[in-house]
N, C-alpha and C. Protein backbone atom coordinates (compact mmCIF):
# COMPACT_ATOMS: atom_id res chain seq x y z
N UNK A 1 -1.43 7.20 -111.16
CA UNK A 1 -0.87 8.47 -110.68
C UNK A 1 -1.87 9.15 -109.76
N UNK A 2 -1.40 9.63 -108.62
CA UNK A 2 -2.25 10.30 -107.65
C UNK A 2 -2.36 11.77 -107.97
N UNK A 3 -3.60 12.28 -107.99
CA UNK A 3 -3.83 13.70 -108.25
C UNK A 3 -3.71 14.47 -106.95
N UNK A 4 -3.01 15.58 -107.00
CA UNK A 4 -2.82 16.42 -105.82
C UNK A 4 -3.32 17.83 -106.13
N UNK A 5 -4.21 18.33 -105.28
CA UNK A 5 -4.69 19.70 -105.41
C UNK A 5 -3.82 20.59 -104.54
N UNK A 6 -3.12 21.52 -105.16
CA UNK A 6 -2.24 22.42 -104.43
C UNK A 6 -2.89 23.78 -104.36
N UNK A 7 -3.10 24.29 -103.14
CA UNK A 7 -3.74 25.58 -102.93
C UNK A 7 -2.81 26.46 -102.12
N UNK A 8 -2.41 27.60 -102.68
CA UNK A 8 -1.57 28.54 -101.94
C UNK A 8 -2.41 29.49 -101.10
N UNK A 9 -3.48 30.00 -101.67
CA UNK A 9 -4.40 30.84 -100.89
C UNK A 9 -5.72 30.95 -101.62
N UNK A 10 -6.74 31.29 -100.89
CA UNK A 10 -8.08 31.51 -101.43
C UNK A 10 -8.49 32.92 -101.05
N UNK A 11 -9.05 33.66 -102.05
CA UNK A 11 -9.38 35.06 -101.83
C UNK A 11 -10.87 35.25 -101.96
N UNK A 12 -11.42 36.25 -101.25
CA UNK A 12 -12.85 36.52 -101.30
C UNK A 12 -13.17 37.42 -102.48
N UNK A 13 -14.47 37.81 -102.57
CA UNK A 13 -14.91 38.59 -103.72
C UNK A 13 -14.28 39.97 -103.78
N UNK A 14 -13.73 40.44 -102.67
CA UNK A 14 -13.04 41.75 -102.66
C UNK A 14 -11.53 41.58 -102.83
N UNK A 15 -11.13 40.38 -103.21
CA UNK A 15 -9.73 40.05 -103.45
C UNK A 15 -8.88 40.12 -102.19
N UNK A 16 -9.54 39.94 -101.03
CA UNK A 16 -8.79 39.82 -99.78
C UNK A 16 -8.50 38.35 -99.54
N UNK A 17 -7.33 38.07 -98.96
CA UNK A 17 -7.00 36.68 -98.68
C UNK A 17 -7.95 36.13 -97.63
N UNK A 18 -8.63 35.01 -97.97
CA UNK A 18 -9.63 34.44 -97.08
C UNK A 18 -9.12 33.21 -96.36
N UNK A 19 -8.47 32.32 -97.10
CA UNK A 19 -7.94 31.09 -96.53
C UNK A 19 -6.54 30.88 -97.09
N UNK A 20 -5.60 30.61 -96.25
CA UNK A 20 -4.25 30.32 -96.72
C UNK A 20 -3.79 28.98 -96.16
N UNK A 21 -2.99 28.28 -96.94
CA UNK A 21 -2.45 26.98 -96.53
C UNK A 21 -0.95 27.03 -96.69
N UNK A 22 -0.23 26.80 -95.60
CA UNK A 22 1.22 26.84 -95.63
C UNK A 22 1.78 25.70 -94.79
N UNK A 23 2.55 24.83 -95.44
CA UNK A 23 3.16 23.70 -94.73
C UNK A 23 2.13 22.85 -93.99
N UNK A 24 0.98 22.66 -94.61
CA UNK A 24 -0.06 21.83 -94.02
C UNK A 24 -0.92 22.52 -92.99
N UNK A 25 -0.67 23.82 -92.73
CA UNK A 25 -1.46 24.56 -91.75
C UNK A 25 -2.47 25.43 -92.48
N UNK A 26 -3.74 25.29 -92.13
CA UNK A 26 -4.81 26.07 -92.76
C UNK A 26 -5.15 27.24 -91.85
N UNK A 27 -5.14 28.44 -92.41
CA UNK A 27 -5.47 29.65 -91.65
C UNK A 27 -6.67 30.33 -92.27
N UNK A 28 -7.69 30.65 -91.44
CA UNK A 28 -8.89 31.33 -91.91
C UNK A 28 -8.85 32.78 -91.47
N UNK A 29 -9.22 33.68 -92.38
CA UNK A 29 -9.36 35.08 -91.99
C UNK A 29 -10.57 35.24 -91.09
N UNK A 30 -10.56 36.26 -90.24
CA UNK A 30 -11.61 36.44 -89.24
C UNK A 30 -13.00 36.55 -89.83
N UNK A 31 -13.11 37.15 -91.02
CA UNK A 31 -14.43 37.44 -91.56
C UNK A 31 -14.94 36.39 -92.53
N UNK A 32 -14.25 35.27 -92.63
CA UNK A 32 -14.67 34.24 -93.56
C UNK A 32 -15.67 33.31 -92.88
N UNK A 33 -16.86 33.20 -93.43
CA UNK A 33 -17.88 32.32 -92.89
C UNK A 33 -18.47 31.52 -94.05
N UNK A 34 -17.94 30.35 -94.39
CA UNK A 34 -18.50 29.55 -95.46
C UNK A 34 -19.94 29.15 -95.16
N UNK A 35 -20.73 28.93 -96.21
CA UNK A 35 -22.13 28.56 -96.06
C UNK A 35 -22.38 27.19 -96.64
N UNK A 36 -23.65 26.89 -96.96
CA UNK A 36 -24.05 25.63 -97.58
C UNK A 36 -23.74 24.41 -96.70
N UNK A 37 -23.76 24.60 -95.37
CA UNK A 37 -23.55 23.50 -94.43
C UNK A 37 -22.21 22.80 -94.61
N UNK A 38 -21.25 23.47 -95.22
CA UNK A 38 -19.91 22.89 -95.31
C UNK A 38 -19.17 23.08 -94.00
N UNK A 39 -19.19 24.29 -93.49
CA UNK A 39 -18.57 24.54 -92.20
C UNK A 39 -19.14 25.80 -91.60
N UNK A 40 -19.00 25.88 -90.29
CA UNK A 40 -19.44 27.07 -89.57
C UNK A 40 -18.24 27.57 -88.80
N UNK A 41 -17.70 28.70 -89.21
CA UNK A 41 -16.45 29.17 -88.64
C UNK A 41 -16.65 30.28 -87.63
N UNK A 42 -17.88 30.43 -87.14
CA UNK A 42 -18.12 31.42 -86.10
C UNK A 42 -18.33 32.82 -86.65
N UNK A 43 -18.12 33.81 -85.82
CA UNK A 43 -18.34 35.19 -86.21
C UNK A 43 -17.00 35.89 -86.38
N UNK A 44 -17.07 37.11 -86.92
CA UNK A 44 -15.84 37.84 -87.18
C UNK A 44 -15.08 38.19 -85.92
N UNK A 45 -15.79 38.19 -84.78
CA UNK A 45 -15.13 38.51 -83.51
C UNK A 45 -14.49 37.29 -82.87
N UNK A 46 -14.71 36.11 -83.46
CA UNK A 46 -14.17 34.88 -82.86
C UNK A 46 -12.69 34.72 -83.21
N UNK A 47 -11.91 34.41 -82.19
CA UNK A 47 -10.50 34.13 -82.45
C UNK A 47 -10.32 32.70 -82.93
N UNK A 48 -11.09 31.79 -82.33
CA UNK A 48 -10.99 30.39 -82.70
C UNK A 48 -12.26 29.98 -83.43
N UNK A 49 -12.14 29.17 -84.44
CA UNK A 49 -13.25 28.84 -85.31
C UNK A 49 -13.68 27.39 -85.13
N UNK A 50 -14.93 27.12 -85.48
CA UNK A 50 -15.48 25.79 -85.42
C UNK A 50 -15.62 25.24 -86.84
N UNK A 51 -15.48 23.95 -86.97
CA UNK A 51 -15.61 23.30 -88.26
C UNK A 51 -16.72 22.26 -88.18
N UNK A 52 -17.68 22.36 -89.09
CA UNK A 52 -18.82 21.44 -89.12
C UNK A 52 -18.74 20.57 -90.36
N UNK A 53 -18.63 19.24 -90.17
CA UNK A 53 -18.58 18.29 -91.27
C UNK A 53 -19.83 17.43 -91.21
N UNK A 54 -20.82 17.75 -92.04
CA UNK A 54 -22.10 17.04 -91.97
C UNK A 54 -21.98 15.59 -92.39
N UNK A 55 -20.95 15.26 -93.18
CA UNK A 55 -20.80 13.89 -93.65
C UNK A 55 -19.82 13.06 -92.86
N UNK A 56 -19.25 13.60 -91.78
CA UNK A 56 -18.27 12.86 -91.01
C UNK A 56 -16.87 13.00 -91.57
N UNK A 57 -15.93 12.25 -91.03
CA UNK A 57 -14.54 12.34 -91.45
C UNK A 57 -13.86 10.99 -91.28
N UNK A 58 -12.88 10.71 -92.15
CA UNK A 58 -12.06 9.51 -92.03
C UNK A 58 -10.77 9.88 -91.30
N UNK A 59 -10.42 9.10 -90.27
CA UNK A 59 -9.24 9.38 -89.47
C UNK A 59 -8.28 8.21 -89.55
N UNK A 60 -7.10 8.45 -90.07
CA UNK A 60 -6.08 7.42 -90.12
C UNK A 60 -6.26 6.39 -91.21
N UNK A 61 -7.19 6.58 -92.12
CA UNK A 61 -7.41 5.63 -93.20
C UNK A 61 -8.75 5.88 -93.86
N UNK A 62 -9.04 5.14 -94.92
CA UNK A 62 -10.28 5.36 -95.67
C UNK A 62 -11.26 4.21 -95.53
N UNK A 63 -10.99 3.25 -94.65
CA UNK A 63 -11.89 2.14 -94.43
C UNK A 63 -13.04 2.52 -93.52
N UNK A 64 -14.06 1.66 -93.49
CA UNK A 64 -15.23 1.94 -92.66
C UNK A 64 -14.87 2.03 -91.18
N UNK A 65 -13.81 1.32 -90.76
CA UNK A 65 -13.39 1.37 -89.36
C UNK A 65 -12.77 2.71 -88.99
N UNK A 66 -12.40 3.51 -89.99
CA UNK A 66 -11.77 4.81 -89.76
C UNK A 66 -12.76 5.96 -89.83
N UNK A 67 -14.03 5.66 -90.04
CA UNK A 67 -15.03 6.71 -90.28
C UNK A 67 -15.66 7.18 -88.97
N UNK A 68 -15.57 8.46 -88.69
CA UNK A 68 -16.16 9.07 -87.49
C UNK A 68 -17.24 10.04 -87.93
N UNK A 69 -18.48 9.77 -87.54
CA UNK A 69 -19.59 10.60 -88.01
C UNK A 69 -20.43 11.18 -86.89
N UNK A 70 -19.98 11.04 -85.63
CA UNK A 70 -20.83 11.55 -84.56
C UNK A 70 -20.03 11.80 -83.29
N UNK A 71 -20.32 12.91 -82.65
CA UNK A 71 -19.85 13.18 -81.28
C UNK A 71 -20.97 13.92 -80.59
N UNK A 72 -21.34 13.47 -79.40
CA UNK A 72 -22.36 14.20 -78.66
C UNK A 72 -22.24 13.93 -77.16
N UNK A 73 -22.79 14.83 -76.38
CA UNK A 73 -22.87 14.69 -74.94
C UNK A 73 -24.32 14.95 -74.52
N UNK A 74 -24.75 14.31 -73.46
CA UNK A 74 -26.12 14.52 -73.02
C UNK A 74 -26.42 13.89 -71.69
N UNK A 75 -27.67 13.89 -71.32
CA UNK A 75 -28.13 13.31 -70.06
C UNK A 75 -29.11 12.17 -70.34
N UNK A 76 -29.25 11.29 -69.37
CA UNK A 76 -30.24 10.22 -69.44
C UNK A 76 -30.68 9.90 -68.02
N UNK A 77 -31.78 9.18 -67.89
CA UNK A 77 -32.34 8.88 -66.57
C UNK A 77 -32.26 7.39 -66.29
N UNK A 78 -31.38 6.96 -65.39
CA UNK A 78 -31.31 5.54 -65.04
C UNK A 78 -32.53 5.11 -64.23
N UNK A 79 -32.98 3.89 -64.46
CA UNK A 79 -34.12 3.33 -63.73
C UNK A 79 -33.82 1.87 -63.40
N UNK A 80 -34.59 1.32 -62.44
CA UNK A 80 -34.56 -0.10 -62.15
C UNK A 80 -35.76 -0.76 -62.82
N UNK A 81 -35.53 -1.93 -63.41
CA UNK A 81 -36.61 -2.69 -64.02
C UNK A 81 -36.52 -4.13 -63.55
N UNK A 82 -37.63 -4.86 -63.61
CA UNK A 82 -37.66 -6.26 -63.24
C UNK A 82 -37.72 -7.14 -64.47
N UNK A 83 -37.06 -8.29 -64.43
CA UNK A 83 -37.04 -9.16 -65.60
C UNK A 83 -38.41 -9.79 -65.88
N UNK A 84 -39.24 -9.94 -64.84
CA UNK A 84 -40.59 -10.50 -65.03
C UNK A 84 -41.65 -9.41 -64.91
N UNK A 85 -41.65 -8.71 -63.76
CA UNK A 85 -42.59 -7.62 -63.52
C UNK A 85 -41.81 -6.44 -62.96
N UNK A 86 -42.01 -5.25 -63.52
CA UNK A 86 -41.31 -4.07 -63.03
C UNK A 86 -41.81 -3.68 -61.64
N UNK A 87 -40.91 -3.36 -60.73
CA UNK A 87 -41.34 -2.85 -59.42
C UNK A 87 -41.90 -1.44 -59.55
N UNK A 88 -42.72 -1.07 -58.59
CA UNK A 88 -43.21 0.31 -58.51
C UNK A 88 -42.23 1.10 -57.66
N UNK A 89 -41.63 2.15 -58.24
CA UNK A 89 -40.55 2.85 -57.57
C UNK A 89 -40.77 4.37 -57.66
N UNK A 90 -40.53 5.04 -56.54
CA UNK A 90 -40.40 6.49 -56.53
C UNK A 90 -38.92 6.80 -56.33
N UNK A 91 -38.36 7.58 -57.25
CA UNK A 91 -36.93 7.85 -57.20
C UNK A 91 -36.63 9.18 -56.51
N UNK A 92 -35.48 9.24 -55.90
CA UNK A 92 -34.95 10.51 -55.41
C UNK A 92 -34.41 11.24 -56.64
N UNK A 93 -35.20 12.15 -57.19
CA UNK A 93 -34.85 12.76 -58.47
C UNK A 93 -33.60 13.62 -58.39
N UNK A 94 -33.30 14.16 -57.21
CA UNK A 94 -32.10 14.98 -57.07
C UNK A 94 -30.84 14.14 -57.18
N UNK A 95 -30.94 12.85 -56.82
CA UNK A 95 -29.78 11.97 -56.81
C UNK A 95 -29.80 10.93 -57.91
N UNK A 96 -30.86 10.89 -58.70
CA UNK A 96 -30.96 9.94 -59.80
C UNK A 96 -30.65 10.68 -61.10
N UNK A 97 -29.41 10.56 -61.52
CA UNK A 97 -28.94 11.34 -62.66
C UNK A 97 -28.02 10.48 -63.53
N UNK A 98 -27.94 10.83 -64.79
CA UNK A 98 -27.03 10.14 -65.69
C UNK A 98 -26.52 11.07 -66.77
N UNK A 99 -25.27 10.87 -67.17
CA UNK A 99 -24.69 11.62 -68.28
C UNK A 99 -24.00 10.65 -69.22
N UNK A 100 -23.86 11.07 -70.48
CA UNK A 100 -23.16 10.22 -71.43
C UNK A 100 -22.33 11.06 -72.39
N UNK A 101 -21.31 10.42 -72.95
CA UNK A 101 -20.52 10.97 -74.05
C UNK A 101 -20.47 9.90 -75.12
N UNK A 102 -20.82 10.26 -76.35
CA UNK A 102 -20.81 9.32 -77.46
C UNK A 102 -19.83 9.81 -78.52
N UNK A 103 -18.86 8.97 -78.85
CA UNK A 103 -17.89 9.27 -79.91
C UNK A 103 -18.00 8.16 -80.94
N UNK A 104 -18.58 8.46 -82.09
CA UNK A 104 -18.83 7.41 -83.07
C UNK A 104 -19.73 6.35 -82.48
N UNK A 105 -19.27 5.10 -82.48
CA UNK A 105 -20.07 4.02 -81.92
C UNK A 105 -19.71 3.65 -80.50
N UNK A 106 -18.90 4.49 -79.82
CA UNK A 106 -18.49 4.22 -78.44
C UNK A 106 -19.22 5.15 -77.49
N UNK A 107 -19.87 4.56 -76.48
CA UNK A 107 -20.67 5.33 -75.51
C UNK A 107 -20.09 5.15 -74.11
N UNK A 108 -19.87 6.26 -73.41
CA UNK A 108 -19.48 6.19 -72.01
C UNK A 108 -20.61 6.79 -71.18
N UNK A 109 -21.08 6.03 -70.19
CA UNK A 109 -22.14 6.51 -69.31
C UNK A 109 -21.63 6.59 -67.89
N UNK A 110 -22.24 7.46 -67.11
CA UNK A 110 -21.97 7.54 -65.68
C UNK A 110 -23.22 8.06 -65.00
N UNK A 111 -23.36 7.75 -63.72
CA UNK A 111 -24.54 8.25 -63.05
C UNK A 111 -24.72 7.70 -61.65
N UNK A 112 -25.87 8.02 -61.11
CA UNK A 112 -26.27 7.56 -59.78
C UNK A 112 -27.77 7.31 -59.80
N UNK A 113 -28.21 6.32 -59.02
CA UNK A 113 -29.63 6.04 -58.89
C UNK A 113 -29.92 5.76 -57.42
N UNK A 114 -31.02 6.37 -56.91
CA UNK A 114 -31.37 6.24 -55.49
C UNK A 114 -32.88 6.35 -55.38
N UNK A 115 -33.49 5.51 -54.54
CA UNK A 115 -34.95 5.46 -54.45
C UNK A 115 -35.46 6.03 -53.13
N UNK A 116 -36.74 6.42 -53.16
CA UNK A 116 -37.43 6.88 -51.96
C UNK A 116 -38.32 5.77 -51.41
N UNK A 117 -39.06 5.08 -52.28
CA UNK A 117 -39.80 3.90 -51.85
C UNK A 117 -39.99 2.95 -53.02
N UNK A 118 -40.14 1.67 -52.69
CA UNK A 118 -40.31 0.63 -53.70
C UNK A 118 -41.36 -0.37 -53.24
N UNK A 119 -41.99 -1.03 -54.21
CA UNK A 119 -42.92 -2.11 -53.89
C UNK A 119 -43.09 -3.01 -55.11
N UNK A 120 -43.38 -4.27 -54.85
CA UNK A 120 -43.70 -5.20 -55.92
C UNK A 120 -42.52 -5.52 -56.82
N UNK A 121 -42.87 -6.05 -57.99
CA UNK A 121 -41.87 -6.46 -58.95
C UNK A 121 -41.43 -7.89 -58.73
N UNK A 122 -40.94 -8.52 -59.79
CA UNK A 122 -40.44 -9.89 -59.67
C UNK A 122 -39.36 -10.13 -60.70
N UNK A 123 -38.53 -11.12 -60.41
CA UNK A 123 -37.43 -11.44 -61.31
C UNK A 123 -36.17 -10.69 -60.92
N UNK A 124 -35.22 -10.68 -61.81
CA UNK A 124 -33.96 -9.99 -61.56
C UNK A 124 -34.11 -8.49 -61.78
N UNK A 125 -33.25 -7.72 -61.10
CA UNK A 125 -33.27 -6.26 -61.24
C UNK A 125 -32.28 -5.85 -62.32
N UNK A 126 -32.76 -5.03 -63.24
CA UNK A 126 -31.92 -4.48 -64.29
C UNK A 126 -31.68 -3.00 -64.04
N UNK A 127 -30.49 -2.51 -64.42
CA UNK A 127 -30.26 -1.08 -64.55
C UNK A 127 -30.63 -0.71 -65.97
N UNK A 128 -31.68 0.06 -66.12
CA UNK A 128 -32.27 0.30 -67.44
C UNK A 128 -32.23 1.78 -67.80
N UNK A 129 -32.76 2.10 -68.99
CA UNK A 129 -32.84 3.48 -69.44
C UNK A 129 -31.63 3.97 -70.20
N UNK A 130 -30.77 3.06 -70.68
CA UNK A 130 -29.54 3.47 -71.37
C UNK A 130 -29.83 4.41 -72.53
N UNK A 131 -28.96 5.39 -72.77
CA UNK A 131 -29.23 6.36 -73.83
C UNK A 131 -29.14 5.77 -75.24
N UNK A 132 -28.37 4.68 -75.41
CA UNK A 132 -28.23 4.01 -76.70
C UNK A 132 -28.21 2.50 -76.46
N UNK A 133 -28.79 1.74 -77.39
CA UNK A 133 -28.80 0.30 -77.26
C UNK A 133 -27.45 -0.28 -77.63
N UNK A 134 -26.88 -1.14 -76.80
CA UNK A 134 -25.60 -1.78 -77.14
C UNK A 134 -25.69 -2.57 -78.44
N UNK A 135 -24.57 -2.66 -79.13
CA UNK A 135 -24.51 -3.31 -80.43
C UNK A 135 -24.80 -4.80 -80.31
N UNK A 136 -25.44 -5.36 -81.34
CA UNK A 136 -25.70 -6.80 -81.38
C UNK A 136 -24.51 -7.48 -82.03
N UNK A 137 -23.55 -7.84 -81.23
CA UNK A 137 -22.31 -8.44 -81.70
C UNK A 137 -21.90 -9.49 -80.68
N UNK A 138 -21.55 -10.68 -81.16
CA UNK A 138 -21.25 -11.79 -80.25
C UNK A 138 -20.04 -11.52 -79.37
N UNK A 139 -19.23 -10.52 -79.71
CA UNK A 139 -18.04 -10.22 -78.91
C UNK A 139 -18.16 -8.88 -78.19
N UNK A 140 -19.37 -8.38 -78.04
CA UNK A 140 -19.55 -7.03 -77.51
C UNK A 140 -20.03 -6.99 -76.06
N UNK A 141 -19.73 -8.01 -75.28
CA UNK A 141 -20.07 -7.96 -73.86
C UNK A 141 -19.30 -6.84 -73.17
N UNK A 142 -19.91 -6.23 -72.17
CA UNK A 142 -19.22 -5.19 -71.42
C UNK A 142 -19.66 -5.23 -69.97
N UNK A 143 -18.90 -4.58 -69.10
CA UNK A 143 -19.19 -4.63 -67.67
C UNK A 143 -19.58 -3.25 -67.13
N UNK A 144 -20.26 -3.28 -66.01
CA UNK A 144 -20.67 -2.08 -65.29
C UNK A 144 -19.78 -1.94 -64.06
N UNK A 145 -19.19 -0.78 -63.89
CA UNK A 145 -18.36 -0.54 -62.71
C UNK A 145 -19.21 0.19 -61.66
N UNK A 146 -19.28 -0.37 -60.48
CA UNK A 146 -20.05 0.22 -59.38
C UNK A 146 -19.07 0.67 -58.30
N UNK A 147 -19.01 1.98 -58.09
CA UNK A 147 -18.05 2.51 -57.12
C UNK A 147 -18.61 2.62 -55.72
N UNK A 148 -19.95 2.68 -55.60
CA UNK A 148 -20.59 2.79 -54.28
C UNK A 148 -21.94 2.11 -54.35
N UNK A 149 -22.27 1.33 -53.31
CA UNK A 149 -23.53 0.59 -53.26
C UNK A 149 -24.02 0.60 -51.82
N UNK A 150 -25.19 1.20 -51.57
CA UNK A 150 -25.66 1.40 -50.19
C UNK A 150 -27.15 1.12 -50.04
N UNK A 151 -27.51 0.65 -48.83
CA UNK A 151 -28.90 0.54 -48.38
C UNK A 151 -29.74 -0.38 -49.26
N UNK A 152 -29.25 -1.61 -49.40
CA UNK A 152 -30.02 -2.66 -50.05
C UNK A 152 -30.47 -3.66 -48.99
N UNK A 153 -31.48 -4.46 -49.29
CA UNK A 153 -32.03 -5.39 -48.31
C UNK A 153 -31.06 -6.52 -47.99
N UNK A 154 -30.98 -6.87 -46.72
CA UNK A 154 -30.25 -8.06 -46.25
C UNK A 154 -28.80 -8.10 -46.71
N UNK A 155 -28.20 -6.95 -46.84
CA UNK A 155 -26.80 -6.86 -47.25
C UNK A 155 -26.53 -7.55 -48.59
N UNK A 156 -27.57 -7.74 -49.39
CA UNK A 156 -27.42 -8.35 -50.70
C UNK A 156 -27.46 -7.23 -51.72
N UNK A 157 -26.29 -6.69 -52.02
CA UNK A 157 -26.23 -5.47 -52.81
C UNK A 157 -25.37 -5.67 -54.06
N UNK A 158 -25.62 -4.91 -55.14
CA UNK A 158 -24.83 -5.07 -56.36
C UNK A 158 -23.41 -4.54 -56.20
N UNK A 159 -22.46 -5.32 -56.72
CA UNK A 159 -21.06 -4.90 -56.70
C UNK A 159 -20.49 -4.74 -58.10
N UNK A 160 -21.22 -5.24 -59.10
CA UNK A 160 -20.80 -5.10 -60.49
C UNK A 160 -22.02 -5.37 -61.37
N UNK A 161 -21.80 -5.39 -62.65
CA UNK A 161 -22.89 -5.66 -63.58
C UNK A 161 -22.32 -6.00 -64.94
N UNK A 162 -23.18 -6.49 -65.82
CA UNK A 162 -22.73 -6.79 -67.18
C UNK A 162 -23.90 -6.64 -68.15
N UNK A 163 -23.53 -6.47 -69.40
CA UNK A 163 -24.51 -6.28 -70.45
C UNK A 163 -24.44 -7.43 -71.44
N UNK A 164 -25.60 -7.97 -71.81
CA UNK A 164 -25.65 -8.98 -72.84
C UNK A 164 -25.83 -8.33 -74.20
N UNK A 165 -25.66 -9.11 -75.24
CA UNK A 165 -25.62 -8.60 -76.60
C UNK A 165 -26.95 -7.96 -77.00
N UNK A 166 -26.90 -6.70 -77.41
CA UNK A 166 -28.04 -6.03 -78.02
C UNK A 166 -29.20 -5.70 -77.11
N UNK A 167 -29.01 -5.71 -75.79
CA UNK A 167 -30.11 -5.36 -74.88
C UNK A 167 -29.80 -4.03 -74.20
N UNK A 168 -30.83 -3.27 -73.91
CA UNK A 168 -30.63 -1.89 -73.43
C UNK A 168 -30.67 -1.78 -71.91
N UNK A 169 -30.03 -2.72 -71.22
CA UNK A 169 -29.94 -2.65 -69.76
C UNK A 169 -28.75 -3.47 -69.30
N UNK A 170 -28.39 -3.28 -68.03
CA UNK A 170 -27.31 -4.05 -67.41
C UNK A 170 -27.89 -4.96 -66.33
N UNK A 171 -27.43 -6.21 -66.29
CA UNK A 171 -27.70 -7.07 -65.14
C UNK A 171 -26.87 -6.57 -63.96
N UNK A 172 -27.41 -6.70 -62.76
CA UNK A 172 -26.69 -6.33 -61.54
C UNK A 172 -26.34 -7.61 -60.79
N UNK A 173 -25.08 -7.72 -60.37
CA UNK A 173 -24.61 -8.97 -59.76
C UNK A 173 -23.94 -8.72 -58.42
N UNK A 174 -23.92 -9.75 -57.59
CA UNK A 174 -23.28 -9.71 -56.29
C UNK A 174 -22.49 -11.00 -56.07
N UNK A 175 -21.88 -11.16 -54.89
CA UNK A 175 -21.09 -12.34 -54.60
C UNK A 175 -21.94 -13.59 -54.48
N UNK A 176 -21.35 -14.72 -54.84
CA UNK A 176 -22.07 -15.99 -54.75
C UNK A 176 -22.20 -16.48 -53.30
N UNK A 177 -21.41 -15.90 -52.42
CA UNK A 177 -21.50 -16.23 -51.00
C UNK A 177 -20.91 -15.06 -50.22
N UNK A 178 -20.88 -15.20 -48.91
CA UNK A 178 -20.29 -14.14 -48.10
C UNK A 178 -18.78 -14.06 -48.29
N UNK A 179 -18.20 -15.12 -48.85
CA UNK A 179 -16.78 -15.16 -49.15
C UNK A 179 -16.61 -14.89 -50.65
N UNK A 180 -16.09 -13.71 -50.98
CA UNK A 180 -16.03 -13.31 -52.39
C UNK A 180 -14.98 -14.09 -53.18
N UNK A 181 -14.21 -14.92 -52.49
CA UNK A 181 -13.32 -15.81 -53.22
C UNK A 181 -14.10 -16.86 -53.99
N UNK A 182 -15.39 -17.02 -53.64
CA UNK A 182 -16.26 -17.95 -54.37
C UNK A 182 -16.75 -17.35 -55.69
N UNK A 183 -16.40 -16.09 -55.93
CA UNK A 183 -16.75 -15.47 -57.19
C UNK A 183 -17.97 -14.57 -57.11
N UNK A 184 -18.15 -13.78 -58.15
CA UNK A 184 -19.29 -12.87 -58.27
C UNK A 184 -20.14 -13.34 -59.44
N UNK A 185 -21.43 -13.49 -59.24
CA UNK A 185 -22.26 -13.97 -60.34
C UNK A 185 -23.73 -14.06 -60.01
N UNK A 186 -24.08 -14.06 -58.70
CA UNK A 186 -25.50 -14.08 -58.34
C UNK A 186 -26.16 -12.77 -58.75
N UNK A 187 -27.30 -12.86 -59.40
CA UNK A 187 -27.99 -11.66 -59.87
C UNK A 187 -28.90 -11.09 -58.78
N UNK A 188 -28.91 -9.79 -58.69
CA UNK A 188 -29.80 -9.09 -57.76
C UNK A 188 -31.24 -9.29 -58.20
N UNK A 189 -32.14 -9.52 -57.25
CA UNK A 189 -33.56 -9.71 -57.56
C UNK A 189 -34.38 -8.57 -56.98
N UNK A 190 -35.64 -8.51 -57.38
CA UNK A 190 -36.53 -7.47 -56.86
C UNK A 190 -36.71 -7.60 -55.35
N UNK A 191 -36.54 -8.82 -54.80
CA UNK A 191 -36.63 -9.01 -53.35
C UNK A 191 -35.48 -8.34 -52.63
N UNK A 192 -34.39 -8.01 -53.35
CA UNK A 192 -33.26 -7.34 -52.73
C UNK A 192 -33.43 -5.83 -52.65
N UNK A 193 -34.45 -5.29 -53.32
CA UNK A 193 -34.75 -3.86 -53.19
C UNK A 193 -35.35 -3.61 -51.82
N UNK A 194 -34.90 -2.57 -51.17
CA UNK A 194 -35.44 -2.24 -49.85
C UNK A 194 -36.25 -0.96 -49.92
N UNK A 195 -37.31 -0.91 -49.11
CA UNK A 195 -38.21 0.23 -49.12
C UNK A 195 -37.78 1.22 -48.05
N UNK A 196 -37.53 2.46 -48.44
CA UNK A 196 -37.12 3.48 -47.49
C UNK A 196 -36.48 4.64 -48.21
N UNK A 197 -36.30 5.72 -47.49
CA UNK A 197 -35.72 6.92 -48.08
C UNK A 197 -34.24 6.71 -48.38
N UNK A 198 -33.83 7.14 -49.56
CA UNK A 198 -32.42 7.09 -49.98
C UNK A 198 -31.86 5.67 -49.93
N UNK A 199 -32.60 4.73 -50.50
CA UNK A 199 -32.18 3.33 -50.53
C UNK A 199 -31.84 2.90 -51.96
N UNK A 200 -31.33 1.66 -52.06
CA UNK A 200 -30.99 1.07 -53.35
C UNK A 200 -30.11 2.01 -54.17
N UNK A 201 -29.09 2.48 -53.51
CA UNK A 201 -28.24 3.57 -54.02
C UNK A 201 -26.97 3.00 -54.65
N UNK A 202 -26.73 3.31 -55.93
CA UNK A 202 -25.46 2.95 -56.55
C UNK A 202 -24.92 4.13 -57.35
N UNK A 203 -23.60 4.24 -57.39
CA UNK A 203 -22.89 5.19 -58.25
C UNK A 203 -22.08 4.34 -59.22
N UNK A 204 -22.18 4.60 -60.50
CA UNK A 204 -21.68 3.65 -61.50
C UNK A 204 -21.14 4.34 -62.75
N UNK A 205 -20.45 3.56 -63.58
CA UNK A 205 -20.03 4.01 -64.90
C UNK A 205 -19.83 2.79 -65.78
N UNK A 206 -19.85 2.99 -67.09
CA UNK A 206 -19.63 1.90 -68.04
C UNK A 206 -19.30 2.49 -69.40
N UNK A 207 -18.62 1.72 -70.21
CA UNK A 207 -18.33 2.09 -71.59
C UNK A 207 -18.73 0.91 -72.47
N UNK A 208 -19.53 1.20 -73.51
CA UNK A 208 -19.97 0.12 -74.38
C UNK A 208 -20.10 0.62 -75.82
N UNK A 209 -20.26 -0.33 -76.75
CA UNK A 209 -20.40 0.02 -78.16
C UNK A 209 -21.87 0.01 -78.56
N UNK A 210 -22.21 0.89 -79.48
CA UNK A 210 -23.56 0.95 -80.01
C UNK A 210 -23.50 1.04 -81.52
N UNK A 211 -24.59 0.60 -82.16
CA UNK A 211 -24.61 0.65 -83.63
C UNK A 211 -25.14 1.98 -84.14
N UNK A 212 -25.80 2.75 -83.29
CA UNK A 212 -26.44 3.99 -83.75
C UNK A 212 -25.49 5.16 -83.68
């Protein structure tokens, strides 16, 4: 037998109605502010209230796949790294920006990266500095969408990217030949970085899963 808690209304210490429940709708009185980190309903002047659940919430079921325990927004700083040796780079800080939204284990990133000067480095070029490390799962590959790519050396510029399992960067890829019908898969190298103002410029976004 399932136990059901039926609540018609909750009253405060002065016997004023504090919380009422009618037909599944919960109404809070303006001056009710629960404590003990259960919820924060704002101030008495607030028309709309906030609810804080420190332990998370189950949505649509009681399994672990239904558990939501985090939502956040923030900024991060994208950088270029080399697979063998990192290049020395000065970034255009006004144009090198990143933002993210994290809902549970799903992360959406977007941003732009642009350099002022570069030198050295070896190996493939990575887009690095991700705000969260992608999950280590054999089926968790994801792609990087590049909407704009400008001022790279010898017209060898990134057009897409991908992430391997559990690593905190994206590979950058270009066409295998001048004819893109041959496919995309050649990785950008540090030799493809060009030295100059406002170079190695990409605008990008991606969505991936994280364990944190």
